[in-house]
Structure formats: C-alpha cells, structure tokens
Amino acid sequence: MSNYIEYKDSLAFHPGYYIDEIIEDSGLTQEDFAKRLGTTPKNLSLLVRGKQSLSPDMAMKLSKMLGTSMQYWLNLQSAYDTALAEIQSDKELEQEKQVLKLLGYDYFRDNFGLPDLPRRPSEQVEQVRGFLKIASLTLLTDRDLAVSFRSAATNMSEKAIVKANAMVQIAINETTQAKAPHYDKRKFMEAIDFALTQTRNHEGFYPLIKGKFFEAGVVLVILPNLKGSKTNGATRRVNKSVMMMVNDRRLYADSFWFTLLHEAGHVVKNDFGISFERETGEAEKAADEYAENRLIDPALYNRFLREQKGSFTEKAIRAFASRIDRDPGIILGRLENDGYVAHKNTMQSLRCKYRVSP
C-alpha cells in the first residue's frame, strides 16, 4: 500500500504522505523524529508508508509536537479512508456486474417485480443487491454463504453456486418476514401426514400445506426456477423456525411430491443444506428413502407389484392410486424410476402438472 492512491480522476493522500514531507523539511532522520514524537521508528515507518492508519493517540502527539490541531490529522485519515472505500466499492461493482451476468436480471424482474432497467447494469446490481438484502453480489460466490452445500459441492460450477445461493437467500428472506412459530417436530410430522392427503388436489394444495407447515414452524417456499441453479431444494434453520425451499421446475406429481418429501425428510432428521441434481451421500440416500416410503407404503407397493406380475396398465395404476389416496402420476413415476415401466410409455395422461398459487 502506498501513502497515496490514484484511481480514475481521483487522488487521495494518506496522513503519512504529509508526515514524510514534514520529516524531510525538518532535517531530522526518521529515527530522531520518531523519538521526539514518542513512538518507535518502526511505527513511524509504517505510518509514513501508508501501511498503518493514524490513531487518535498519534494525532494528538503530532498536534502537540507540530502545533496543529488533532482534528486536522484525523480529518486527513478520514478523507483517505473514504476515498479508499469509494475506490474499493467501484472495483467491487465491476465484480458484481459479472456475478449479475451469471444470475440474469430477467429472473428478478419477471418474478419479483424489479424495474425494467435495460443496459443499466449498475442500477440492476443495486436493485438485486437490495432485493436479496446482501452487501455485495460477490458474496453469492461463497459456497458457505447461508446453507452448506452437500456432496455435490465439489463439482458445482461458480454459476450454479451463485444461482443456488440467490434462491436460498430469497427463501431465507421470506422465512424471516413470515415470523413463524418455533419449529415443532411432532406438529411437522402431522403436517406431512396432512400434505399427503392433498396429492390429488392439483390446484388448491399449496396454501393448505403451506399453512399446516407454518403452524409447525416450517416456512415452505416454492420458488420459480432459476435456470442453471441445479437446485432441487434447501433447508435451513432461521432463528427458531425452519426454512424449506423447493424449486418449481418439477411440478409434475411424481417429481414435485418426491422433492417435497425429500426436503421434509431432511428437516425431520435435522439435516440442513442444499439438495442438488444427482446428489450422493448417506444423508441424501436417507432423504430419498424417506420420500419413497412416505409417498407409497412399501408393503402396499410390493403387494401391488406381485399382483400385477409385471403387467402395468393405466387402469391398474389408477385403481392402486385410488386405494392408497395418491395421485396416479406418483405411482407411474415410481414404476418408471424402478424400471417396471418404460419412461416413454403410453400412459402419460396420468401425469398432471400442479399450479402453485398463494
């Protein structure tokens, strides 16, 4: 660090710059000047080179030695610090613009009502920064910003990490504003039981299960997909309640409910973090098993498999789904995932896409 800084058309001088001139004009060596000032040659050298800030104590000593005011020296330090902060802010803004390119301003404009600001990247950065309630968009590059990344983190690109962090930040902000009661595991288990009665309520399920989860201290946030985030969902403790975020890119019955129950499984096991595509590890395996077993009772599923003897028709799937009170798309998705039915089958009419609305 120099005892002065130049940036664009700005020039700011550290107090050490002026002290150096005073020492030179005095005819004293720096060591002699330090002794008269009542400090060590090392401290004075650091100050003169701009590597150390001027302390109030040093300002007082200079004022007494040179017949100046203490405030004069403190003002010099303040002016230098302000200029340095402005320069660093300008440099960081350029970095923030690069982060915003990874995010895409359109996502925030189209889904959260931010103003349309074409070709005004500085204002776009300011809007997104304020919306996310963070000091700098560069913080989104930190994989440990708000929620731990599980096993997939080592393979995640910077773009995916930035986008995942942005989605989590939105969900955390919504959770904070919701002011939910303390998390109650027993009530949450009951809320999950209730949620499973709503798989065939294609349009009205969301506010119902959101309300039940809220009563248990879990704030359910279903966010518009941020393309490229590769994020299925996330869970996190927020004060005494729990944030549970799910990406809306998979709103077909089988994938949506599996994702929802997967994240619920993490909450039940007190395991918080971000779930990505193709996630591995014991925690993810346990959450997968929890989702599978809650969606379809394994004993009933195995009996259904034996009864059908490898032949699965739309009629049979609908009948089994009705028997266990599940949307038939959930059964079809499980059969596809387990390899009993081809993914490109003729029963796609069983699939429905949910509508998520408050």
Protein backbone atom coordinates (compact mmCIF):
# COMPACT_ATOMS: atom_id res chain seq x y z
CA MET A 1 0.00 0.00 0.00
CA SER A 2 1.31 3.48 -0.93
CA ASN A 3 0.88 6.65 1.10
CA TYR A 4 -1.31 7.97 -1.70
CA ILE A 5 -3.79 6.38 -4.11
CA GLU A 6 -4.80 7.21 -7.66
CA TYR A 7 -7.97 5.87 -9.25
CA LYS A 8 -9.52 7.25 -12.41
CA ASP A 9 -9.51 11.01 -11.79
CA SER A 10 -9.19 10.76 -8.01
CA LEU A 11 -6.10 11.28 -5.88
CA ALA A 12 -6.07 10.79 -2.10
CA PHE A 13 -3.17 11.20 0.31
CA HIS A 14 -2.56 9.20 3.48
CA PRO A 15 -1.53 11.29 6.53
CA GLY A 16 1.82 9.54 6.25
CA TYR A 17 2.46 11.37 2.99
CA TYR A 18 2.37 14.72 4.80
CA ILE A 19 4.35 13.40 7.77
CA ASP A 20 7.08 12.26 5.39
CA GLU A 21 7.27 15.78 3.92
CA ILE A 22 7.46 17.28 7.42
CA ILE A 23 10.31 14.92 8.39
CA GLU A 24 12.20 15.82 5.22
CA ASP A 25 11.76 19.58 5.82
CA SER A 26 12.83 19.22 9.47
CA GLY A 27 16.28 17.94 8.61
CA LEU A 28 15.88 15.15 11.14
CA THR A 29 16.28 11.48 10.49
CA GLN A 30 13.17 9.39 10.71
CA GLU A 31 14.58 7.75 13.85
CA ASP A 32 15.17 11.12 15.54
CA PHE A 33 11.72 12.33 14.53
CA ALA A 34 10.19 9.16 15.99
CA LYS A 35 11.97 9.72 19.30
CA ARG A 36 10.72 13.31 19.50
CA LEU A 37 7.22 12.14 18.65
CA GLY A 38 7.28 9.49 21.37
CA THR A 39 6.88 6.45 19.13
CA THR A 40 9.11 3.75 17.70
CA PRO A 41 10.94 4.11 14.36
CA LYS A 42 9.05 1.02 13.15
CA ASN A 43 5.63 2.52 13.89
CA LEU A 44 6.60 5.79 12.25
CA SER A 45 7.93 3.97 9.19
CA LEU A 46 4.64 2.05 8.79
CA LEU A 47 2.70 5.30 9.13
CA VAL A 48 4.84 7.19 6.64
CA ARG A 49 4.48 4.41 4.04
CA GLY A 50 0.69 4.34 4.45
CA LYS A 51 0.71 0.82 5.86
CA GLN A 52 -0.84 1.85 9.16
CA SER A 53 -3.77 4.10 9.95
CA LEU A 54 -3.25 7.22 12.02
CA SER A 55 -4.57 6.59 15.54
CA PRO A 56 -6.14 9.29 17.74
CA ASP A 57 -3.14 8.93 20.06
CA MET A 58 -0.72 9.60 17.21
CA ALA A 59 -2.85 12.52 16.02
CA MET A 60 -2.65 14.02 19.50
CA LYS A 61 1.15 13.60 19.59
CA LEU A 62 1.54 15.23 16.16
CA SER A 63 -0.68 18.14 17.16
CA LYS A 64 1.39 18.78 20.29
CA MET A 65 4.73 18.43 18.51
CA LEU A 66 3.85 20.50 15.43
CA GLY A 67 1.37 22.98 16.87
CA THR A 68 -1.52 21.78 14.73
CA SER A 69 -4.95 20.59 15.80
CA MET A 70 -5.63 16.93 16.49
CA GLN A 71 -8.72 17.15 14.25
CA TYR A 72 -6.58 18.23 11.29
CA TRP A 73 -4.78 14.88 11.28
CA LEU A 74 -7.89 12.86 11.95
CA ASN A 75 -9.62 14.60 9.02
CA LEU A 76 -6.73 13.63 6.74
CA GLN A 77 -7.13 9.98 7.78
CA SER A 78 -10.91 10.14 7.35
CA ALA A 79 -10.62 11.63 3.86
CA TYR A 80 -8.13 8.95 2.86
CA ASP A 81 -10.30 6.13 4.26
CA THR A 82 -13.36 7.49 2.45
CA ALA A 83 -11.51 7.70 -0.87
CA LEU A 84 -10.14 4.19 -0.40
CA ALA A 85 -13.63 2.84 0.38
CA GLU A 86 -15.07 4.51 -2.72
CA ILE A 87 -12.33 3.05 -4.91
CA GLN A 88 -12.85 -0.42 -3.48
CA SER A 89 -16.61 -0.03 -3.95
CA ASP A 90 -16.14 0.91 -7.61
CA LYS A 91 -13.90 -2.09 -8.17
CA GLU A 92 -16.34 -4.37 -6.40
CA LEU A 93 -19.21 -3.02 -8.51
CA GLU A 94 -17.42 -4.28 -11.60
CA GLN A 95 -17.16 -7.70 -9.97
CA GLU A 96 -20.84 -7.55 -9.01
CA LYS A 97 -21.75 -6.90 -12.63
CA GLN A 98 -20.02 -10.14 -13.56
CA VAL A 99 -21.97 -12.01 -10.88
CA LEU A 100 -25.21 -10.49 -12.16
CA LYS A 101 -24.38 -11.81 -15.62
CA LEU A 102 -24.28 -15.28 -14.11
CA LEU A 103 -27.63 -14.71 -12.38
CA GLY A 104 -29.52 -12.87 -15.08
CA TYR A 105 -31.51 -9.78 -14.16
CA ASP A 106 -34.60 -11.03 -16.03
CA TYR A 107 -35.30 -13.62 -13.33
CA PHE A 108 -35.75 -10.94 -10.68
CA ARG A 109 -37.61 -8.55 -12.98
CA ASP A 110 -40.05 -11.15 -14.26
CA ASN A 111 -40.73 -12.99 -10.98
CA PHE A 112 -40.30 -10.40 -8.24
CA GLY A 113 -41.32 -7.10 -9.79
CA LEU A 114 -37.93 -5.39 -10.04
CA PRO A 115 -37.99 -2.48 -12.51
CA ASP A 116 -37.01 -2.92 -16.13
CA LEU A 117 -33.54 -1.37 -16.48
CA PRO A 118 -32.19 -2.26 -19.93
CA ARG A 119 -28.49 -1.54 -20.46
CA ARG A 120 -28.13 -0.11 -16.94
CA PRO A 121 -26.07 -2.78 -15.19
CA SER A 122 -25.05 -0.63 -12.21
CA GLU A 123 -28.69 0.05 -11.35
CA GLN A 124 -29.56 -3.60 -11.92
CA VAL A 125 -26.86 -4.61 -9.45
CA GLU A 126 -28.24 -2.14 -6.92
CA GLN A 127 -31.77 -3.49 -7.32
CA VAL A 128 -30.81 -7.16 -6.98
CA ARG A 129 -28.46 -6.43 -4.08
CA GLY A 130 -31.26 -4.64 -2.25
CA PHE A 131 -33.81 -7.32 -3.06
CA LEU A 132 -31.55 -10.09 -1.73
CA LYS A 133 -30.56 -7.92 1.26
CA ILE A 134 -26.84 -8.52 0.96
CA ALA A 135 -23.95 -6.06 0.95
CA SER A 136 -22.48 -7.32 -2.32
CA LEU A 137 -23.47 -9.77 -5.05
CA THR A 138 -19.91 -11.13 -4.88
CA LEU A 139 -20.95 -12.85 -1.63
CA LEU A 140 -23.04 -15.24 -3.72
CA THR A 141 -19.86 -16.90 -4.97
CA ASP A 142 -19.21 -18.20 -1.43
CA ARG A 143 -20.45 -21.79 -1.23
CA ASP A 144 -20.83 -21.42 2.53
CA LEU A 145 -22.80 -18.18 2.39
CA ALA A 146 -26.01 -19.32 4.07
CA VAL A 147 -26.53 -23.06 3.71
CA SER A 148 -23.98 -25.86 3.48
CA PHE A 149 -23.51 -27.48 0.11
CA ARG A 150 -23.65 -31.23 0.36
CA SER A 151 -21.56 -33.79 -1.55
CA ALA A 152 -22.14 -32.25 -5.00
CA ALA A 153 -20.40 -29.01 -4.00
CA THR A 154 -17.00 -30.07 -5.29
CA ASN A 155 -18.44 -30.50 -8.77
CA MET A 156 -20.52 -27.32 -8.86
CA SER A 157 -19.64 -24.52 -11.24
CA GLU A 158 -19.43 -20.96 -9.97
CA LYS A 159 -22.60 -20.15 -11.91
CA ALA A 160 -24.55 -22.93 -10.17
CA ILE A 161 -23.26 -21.89 -6.74
CA VAL A 162 -24.19 -18.25 -7.36
CA LYS A 163 -27.69 -19.17 -8.52
CA ALA A 164 -28.27 -21.63 -5.70
CA ASN A 165 -27.17 -19.07 -3.12
CA ALA A 166 -29.51 -16.47 -4.64
CA MET A 167 -32.50 -18.81 -4.39
CA VAL A 168 -31.65 -19.70 -0.80
CA GLN A 169 -31.28 -16.02 0.08
CA ILE A 170 -34.74 -15.27 -1.31
CA ALA A 171 -36.21 -18.15 0.70
CA ILE A 172 -34.44 -17.07 3.89
CA ASN A 173 -35.74 -13.52 3.49
CA GLU A 174 -39.29 -14.80 3.05
CA THR A 175 -38.89 -17.03 6.09
CA THR A 176 -37.60 -14.15 8.20
CA GLN A 177 -40.53 -11.96 7.20
CA ALA A 178 -43.06 -14.73 7.89
CA LYS A 179 -42.27 -14.77 11.62
CA ALA A 180 -43.24 -18.42 12.02
CA PRO A 181 -43.61 -20.06 15.45
CA HIS A 182 -40.88 -22.28 16.87
CA TYR A 183 -40.27 -25.48 14.94
CA ASP A 184 -42.21 -28.38 16.44
CA LYS A 185 -41.18 -31.78 15.05
CA ARG A 186 -44.36 -33.54 16.21
CA LYS A 187 -46.58 -30.94 14.54
CA PHE A 188 -44.45 -31.11 11.41
CA MET A 189 -44.88 -34.88 11.18
CA GLU A 190 -48.63 -34.33 11.44
CA ALA A 191 -48.41 -31.63 8.77
CA ILE A 192 -46.64 -34.08 6.45
CA ASP A 193 -49.44 -36.59 7.02
CA PHE A 194 -51.93 -33.91 6.05
CA ALA A 195 -49.89 -32.91 2.98
CA LEU A 196 -50.04 -36.48 1.70
CA THR A 197 -53.85 -36.23 1.62
CA GLN A 198 -53.54 -33.38 -0.87
CA THR A 199 -51.70 -35.06 -3.77
CA ARG A 200 -54.89 -35.12 -5.85
CA ASN A 201 -55.78 -31.52 -5.01
CA HIS A 202 -53.93 -30.19 -8.03
CA GLU A 203 -54.78 -26.51 -7.77
CA GLY A 204 -55.58 -25.81 -4.13
CA PHE A 205 -52.97 -27.84 -2.26
CA TYR A 206 -50.25 -25.20 -1.85
CA PRO A 207 -51.85 -22.72 0.57
CA LEU A 208 -53.25 -25.63 2.57
CA ILE A 209 -49.96 -27.44 3.14
CA LYS A 210 -48.07 -24.16 3.46
CA GLY A 211 -50.42 -23.21 6.29
CA LYS A 212 -50.02 -26.56 8.06
CA PHE A 213 -46.24 -26.43 7.75
CA PHE A 214 -46.27 -22.87 9.09
CA GLU A 215 -48.17 -23.95 12.20
CA ALA A 216 -45.34 -26.43 12.82
CA GLY A 217 -42.70 -23.72 12.45
CA VAL A 218 -41.68 -24.64 8.91
CA VAL A 219 -41.94 -21.96 6.22
CA LEU A 220 -42.47 -23.65 2.85
CA VAL A 221 -41.21 -21.54 -0.05
CA ILE A 222 -41.73 -22.72 -3.62
CA LEU A 223 -39.59 -20.54 -5.88
CA PRO A 224 -39.65 -20.01 -9.64
CA ASN A 225 -36.86 -21.98 -11.23
CA LEU A 226 -33.63 -20.07 -11.78
CA LYS A 227 -32.32 -21.88 -14.83
CA GLY A 228 -28.90 -23.37 -14.24
CA SER A 229 -29.11 -23.44 -10.45
CA LYS A 230 -29.36 -27.25 -10.46
CA THR A 231 -31.04 -26.84 -7.10
CA ASN A 232 -33.90 -29.13 -6.15
CA GLY A 233 -34.44 -27.63 -2.71
CA ALA A 234 -32.86 -26.44 0.51
CA THR A 235 -33.49 -26.46 4.24
CA ARG A 236 -32.10 -24.19 6.94
CA ARG A 237 -32.75 -23.13 10.50
CA VAL A 238 -33.82 -19.49 10.62
CA ASN A 239 -33.92 -18.35 14.22
CA LYS A 240 -36.26 -20.83 15.95
CA SER A 241 -38.16 -21.83 12.79
CA VAL A 242 -37.16 -23.73 9.64
CA MET A 243 -36.92 -22.60 6.03
CA MET A 244 -37.85 -25.28 3.48
CA MET A 245 -37.38 -24.22 -0.13
CA VAL A 246 -38.44 -26.20 -3.20
CA ASN A 247 -37.71 -25.32 -6.83
CA ASP A 248 -40.85 -25.22 -9.00
CA ARG A 249 -39.18 -26.64 -12.13
CA ARG A 250 -40.58 -30.07 -11.29
CA LEU A 251 -44.28 -29.56 -10.73
CA TYR A 252 -45.43 -32.90 -12.13
CA ALA A 253 -46.97 -35.05 -9.41
CA ASP A 254 -44.25 -37.66 -9.07
CA SER A 255 -41.23 -35.32 -9.15
CA PHE A 256 -42.82 -32.49 -7.14
CA TRP A 257 -44.01 -34.66 -4.28
CA PHE A 258 -40.80 -36.63 -4.19
CA THR A 259 -38.79 -33.39 -3.94
CA LEU A 260 -41.12 -32.01 -1.28
CA LEU A 261 -40.93 -35.16 0.85
CA HIS A 262 -37.18 -35.41 0.27
CA GLU A 263 -36.69 -31.95 1.79
CA ALA A 264 -39.16 -32.78 4.55
CA GLY A 265 -37.05 -35.84 5.31
CA HIS A 266 -34.01 -33.61 5.75
CA VAL A 267 -35.94 -31.41 8.18
CA VAL A 268 -37.21 -34.40 10.18
CA LYS A 269 -33.64 -35.68 10.51
CA ASN A 270 -32.38 -32.22 11.45
CA ASP A 271 -30.14 -32.21 8.37
CA PHE A 272 -29.89 -28.79 6.75
CA GLY A 273 -28.34 -27.88 3.41
CA ILE A 274 -28.89 -27.59 -0.34
CA SER A 275 -30.03 -30.55 -2.45
CA PHE A 276 -28.68 -30.67 -6.00
CA GLU A 277 -29.24 -32.85 -9.02
CA ARG A 278 -27.52 -36.24 -8.81
CA GLU A 279 -26.66 -35.68 -5.15
CA THR A 280 -24.91 -38.54 -3.38
CA GLY A 281 -24.09 -39.43 0.21
CA GLU A 282 -25.80 -41.07 3.17
CA ALA A 283 -27.92 -38.03 4.04
CA GLU A 284 -29.33 -37.87 0.51
CA LYS A 285 -29.94 -41.60 0.41
CA ALA A 286 -31.83 -41.40 3.70
CA ALA A 287 -33.93 -38.47 2.44
CA ASP A 288 -34.71 -40.39 -0.78
CA GLU A 289 -35.85 -43.43 1.21
CA TYR A 290 -37.98 -41.25 3.46
CA ALA A 291 -39.70 -39.68 0.43
CA GLU A 292 -40.29 -43.04 -1.26
CA ASN A 293 -41.73 -44.69 1.83
CA ARG A 294 -43.98 -41.78 2.79
CA LEU A 295 -45.35 -41.37 -0.72
CA ILE A 296 -46.09 -45.09 -1.19
CA ASP A 297 -46.18 -47.53 1.68
CA PRO A 298 -43.51 -50.12 0.77
CA ALA A 299 -45.63 -53.12 1.85
CA LEU A 300 -48.57 -51.96 -0.27
CA TYR A 301 -46.27 -51.16 -3.20
CA ASN A 302 -44.67 -54.61 -3.11
CA ARG A 303 -48.10 -56.26 -2.96
CA PHE A 304 -49.17 -54.21 -5.99
CA LEU A 305 -46.07 -55.37 -7.87
CA ARG A 306 -46.83 -59.01 -7.07
CA GLU A 307 -50.44 -58.65 -8.08
CA GLN A 308 -49.62 -57.11 -11.44
CA LYS A 309 -46.91 -59.67 -12.25
CA GLY A 310 -45.01 -57.22 -14.44
CA SER A 311 -48.07 -56.01 -16.35
CA PHE A 312 -48.99 -52.43 -15.50
CA THR A 313 -51.98 -50.81 -17.18
CA GLU A 314 -53.40 -47.34 -16.76
CA LYS A 315 -56.50 -48.85 -15.18
CA ALA A 316 -54.45 -50.81 -12.65
CA ILE A 317 -52.36 -47.80 -11.74
CA ARG A 318 -55.43 -45.62 -11.25
CA ALA A 319 -57.07 -48.26 -9.07
CA PHE A 320 -53.97 -48.63 -6.86
CA ALA A 321 -53.60 -44.85 -6.60
CA SER A 322 -57.23 -44.52 -5.52
CA ARG A 323 -56.78 -47.28 -2.96
CA ILE A 324 -53.86 -45.54 -1.26
CA ASP A 325 -55.21 -42.00 -1.85
CA ARG A 326 -52.38 -40.79 -4.09
CA ASP A 327 -52.28 -39.05 -7.44
CA PRO A 328 -51.75 -41.73 -10.13
CA GLY A 329 -48.84 -39.76 -11.55
CA ILE A 330 -46.91 -40.55 -8.35
CA ILE A 331 -47.40 -44.29 -8.94
CA LEU A 332 -46.41 -44.01 -12.60
CA GLY A 333 -43.28 -42.06 -11.72
CA ARG A 334 -42.24 -44.66 -9.13
CA LEU A 335 -42.76 -47.51 -11.61
CA GLU A 336 -40.68 -45.64 -14.19
CA ASN A 337 -37.93 -44.91 -11.68
CA ASP A 338 -37.81 -48.55 -10.57
CA GLY A 339 -37.67 -49.80 -14.16
CA TYR A 340 -41.02 -51.57 -14.24
CA VAL A 341 -42.41 -49.22 -16.87
CA ALA A 342 -40.51 -47.52 -19.70
CA HIS A 343 -40.11 -43.78 -19.32
CA LYS A 344 -41.53 -43.17 -22.79
CA ASN A 345 -44.74 -45.11 -22.24
CA THR A 346 -48.28 -44.57 -23.46
CA MET A 347 -49.70 -43.63 -20.05
CA GLN A 348 -48.58 -40.01 -19.92
CA SER A 349 -52.20 -38.94 -19.48
CA LEU A 350 -51.72 -39.99 -15.87
CA ARG A 351 -49.35 -37.09 -15.37
CA CYS A 352 -50.62 -33.75 -14.22
CA LYS A 353 -48.82 -30.50 -13.56
CA TYR A 354 -49.61 -28.62 -10.38
CA ARG A 355 -50.34 -24.94 -10.11
CA VAL A 356 -48.63 -23.16 -7.27
CA SER A 357 -50.50 -20.07 -6.16
CA PRO A 358 -50.87 -18.44 -2.74
